[in-house]
C-alpha atoms as a PDB file:
ATOM      1  CA  MET A   1     133.656 107.816  31.048  1.00  0.00           C
ATOM      2  CA  LEU A   2     130.786 105.374  31.446  1.00  0.00           C
ATOM      3  CA  THR A   3     127.219 106.602  31.327  1.00  0.00           C
ATOM      4  CA  ASP A   4     124.679 106.020  34.085  1.00  0.00           C
ATOM      5  CA  GLU A   5     122.932 103.541  31.802  1.00  0.00           C
ATOM      6  CA  VAL A   6     126.105 101.462  31.450  1.00  0.00           C
ATOM      7  CA  TYR A   7     126.664 101.461  35.215  1.00  0.00           C
ATOM      8  CA  GLN A   8     123.056 100.404  35.783  1.00  0.00           C
ATOM      9  CA  ALA A   9     123.333  97.607  33.208  1.00  0.00           C
ATOM     10  CA  LEU A  10     126.522  96.307  34.860  1.00  0.00           C
ATOM     11  CA  ILE A  11     124.811  96.372  38.266  1.00  0.00           C
ATOM     12  CA  GLU A  12     121.796  94.498  36.888  1.00  0.00           C
ATOM     13  CA  GLN A  13     124.096  91.902  35.300  1.00  0.00           C
ATOM     14  CA  GLY A  14     125.852  91.393  38.641  1.00  0.00           C
ATOM     15  CA  GLU A  15     129.179  92.745  37.378  1.00  0.00           C
ATOM     16  CA  LEU A  16     129.240  95.806  39.677  1.00  0.00           C
ATOM     17  CA  ILE A  17     128.089  96.605  43.188  1.00  0.00           C
ATOM     18  CA  GLN A  18     127.385 100.223  44.080  1.00  0.00           C
ATOM     19  CA  VAL A  19     128.502 100.804  47.669  1.00  0.00           C
ATOM     20  CA  SER A  20     127.910 104.564  47.676  1.00  0.00           C
ATOM     21  CA  PRO A  21     126.646 107.140  45.188  1.00  0.00           C
ATOM     22  CA  ASP A  22     130.106 107.478  43.658  1.00  0.00           C
ATOM     23  CA  VAL A  23     131.853 104.191  44.530  1.00  0.00           C
ATOM     24  CA  PHE A  24     131.368 101.061  42.439  1.00  0.00           C
ATOM     25  CA  LEU A  25     133.234  97.791  42.876  1.00  0.00           C
ATOM     26  CA  ARG A  26     133.512  94.825  40.595  1.00  0.00           C
ATOM     27  CA  THR A  27     131.681  91.915  42.190  1.00  0.00           C
ATOM     28  CA  ARG A  28     134.835  89.797  42.414  1.00  0.00           C
ATOM     29  CA  GLU A  29     136.744  92.472  44.324  1.00  0.00           C
ATOM     30  CA  TYR A  30     133.719  93.238  46.485  1.00  0.00           C
ATOM     31  CA  ASN A  31     133.537  89.584  47.513  1.00  0.00           C
ATOM     32  CA  GLN A  32     137.242  89.546  48.405  1.00  0.00           C
ATOM     33  CA  LEU A  33     136.874  92.666  50.553  1.00  0.00           C
ATOM     34  CA  GLU A  34     133.772  91.337  52.288  1.00  0.00           C
ATOM     35  CA  GLU A  35     135.409  87.974  52.940  1.00  0.00           C
ATOM     36  CA  TYR A  36     138.391  89.703  54.543  1.00  0.00           C
ATOM     37  CA  VAL A  37     136.167  91.802  56.829  1.00  0.00           C
ATOM     38  CA  ILE A  38     134.156  88.766  57.916  1.00  0.00           C
ATOM     39  CA  GLU A  39     137.306  86.732  58.514  1.00  0.00           C
ATOM     40  CA  GLU A  40     139.047  89.458  60.530  1.00  0.00           C
ATOM     41  CA  CYS A  41     135.979  90.384  62.565  1.00  0.00           C
ATOM     42  CA  GLY A  42     135.239  86.689  63.094  1.00  0.00           C
ATOM     43  CA  LYS A  43     138.538  86.474  64.980  1.00  0.00           C
ATOM     44  CA  GLY A  44     137.179  89.010  67.435  1.00  0.00           C
ATOM     45  CA  VAL A  45     139.251  91.789  65.903  1.00  0.00           C
ATOM     46  CA  LEU A  46     137.790  95.291  65.943  1.00  0.00           C
ATOM     47  CA  LEU A  47     138.564  96.234  62.351  1.00  0.00           C
ATOM     48  CA  THR A  48     139.517  99.884  61.951  1.00  0.00           C
ATOM     49  CA  LEU A  49     139.190 101.876  58.782  1.00  0.00           C
ATOM     50  CA  SER A  50     142.935 102.500  58.724  1.00  0.00           C
ATOM     51  CA  HIS A  51     143.721  98.790  59.138  1.00  0.00           C
ATOM     52  CA  PHE A  52     141.372  97.948  56.255  1.00  0.00           C
ATOM     53  CA  ARG A  53     142.767 100.762  54.099  1.00  0.00           C
ATOM     54  CA  ASP A  54     146.375  99.790  54.759  1.00  0.00           C
ATOM     55  CA  HIS A  55     145.754  96.075  54.199  1.00  0.00           C
ATOM     56  CA  PHE A  56     144.342  96.734  50.732  1.00  0.00           C
ATOM     57  CA  SER A  57     146.520  99.786  49.960  1.00  0.00           C
ATOM     58  CA  THR A  58     143.453 101.742  48.972  1.00  0.00           C
ATOM     59  CA  SER A  59     142.011 105.169  49.656  1.00  0.00           C
ATOM     60  CA  ARG A  60     140.219 106.288  52.770  1.00  0.00           C
ATOM     61  CA  ARG A  61     137.217 107.253  50.612  1.00  0.00           C
ATOM     62  CA  LEU A  62     136.812 103.751  49.189  1.00  0.00           C
ATOM     63  CA  SER A  63     137.478 102.094  52.542  1.00  0.00           C
ATOM     64  CA  GLN A  64     134.927 104.217  54.354  1.00  0.00           C
ATOM     65  CA  ALA A  65     132.284 103.762  51.643  1.00  0.00           C
ATOM     66  CA  PHE A  66     132.770  99.983  51.695  1.00  0.00           C
ATOM     67  CA  LEU A  67     132.685  99.622  55.484  1.00  0.00           C
ATOM     68  CA  GLU A  68     129.606 101.847  55.759  1.00  0.00           C
ATOM     69  CA  TYR A  69     127.927  99.716  53.083  1.00  0.00           C
ATOM     70  CA  LEU A  70     128.553  96.593  55.179  1.00  0.00           C
ATOM     71  CA  ASP A  71     127.018  98.428  58.147  1.00  0.00           C
ATOM     72  CA  ARG A  72     123.913  99.279  56.101  1.00  0.00           C
ATOM     73  CA  ARG A  73     123.612  95.655  54.961  1.00  0.00           C
ATOM     74  CA  GLY A  74     123.695  94.508  58.589  1.00  0.00           C
ATOM     75  CA  ILE A  75     126.934  92.560  58.249  1.00  0.00           C
ATOM     76  CA  THR A  76     128.969  94.818  60.524  1.00  0.00           C
ATOM     77  CA  THR A  77     128.284  97.459  63.084  1.00  0.00           C
ATOM     78  CA  ARG A  78     130.471 100.365  64.090  1.00  0.00           C
ATOM     79  CA  GLU A  79     131.858 100.268  67.585  1.00  0.00           C
ATOM     80  CA  ALA A  80     134.198 102.961  68.876  1.00  0.00           C
ATOM     81  CA  GLU A  81     136.800 103.395  66.110  1.00  0.00           C
ATOM     82  CA  GLY A  82     136.201 100.106  64.322  1.00  0.00           C
ATOM     83  CA  ARG A  83     133.792  97.512  63.029  1.00  0.00           C
ATOM     84  CA  LYS A  84     132.670  94.166  64.389  1.00  0.00           C
ATOM     85  CA  LEU A  85     130.287  91.545  63.038  1.00  0.00           C
ATOM     86  CA  LYS A  86     126.755  92.564  63.833  1.00  0.00           C
ATOM     87  CA  ASN A  87     125.335  89.084  64.137  1.00  0.00           C
ATOM     88  CA  SER A  88     127.091  85.927  63.069  1.00  0.00           C
ATOM     89  CA  THR A  89     123.772  84.405  61.971  1.00  0.00           C
ATOM     90  CA  ASN A  90     123.602  87.031  59.185  1.00  0.00           C
ATOM     91  CA  ILE A  91     126.748  85.633  57.579  1.00  0.00           C
ATOM     92  CA  ILE A  92     126.558  82.494  55.512  1.00  0.00           C
END
């Protein structure tokens, strides 16, 4: 098990992104997930948690933490049962 100091060092080095108190993603995988969300939502698709989870064959816990992180960053916003891009000018 990694210590808090190791996690913090990996975050500072840009190797990990902490999306919730107990969910960390490697930067490479984070970027792939974010790119997918932006691409799907850019098509006008309302991206649901279950669609995201099933596409990546991952857990609900990770999917929810990641999508809520994108909401907090202002990339997406929750609408009904899904997510859409908050403002296309925020995405570069």
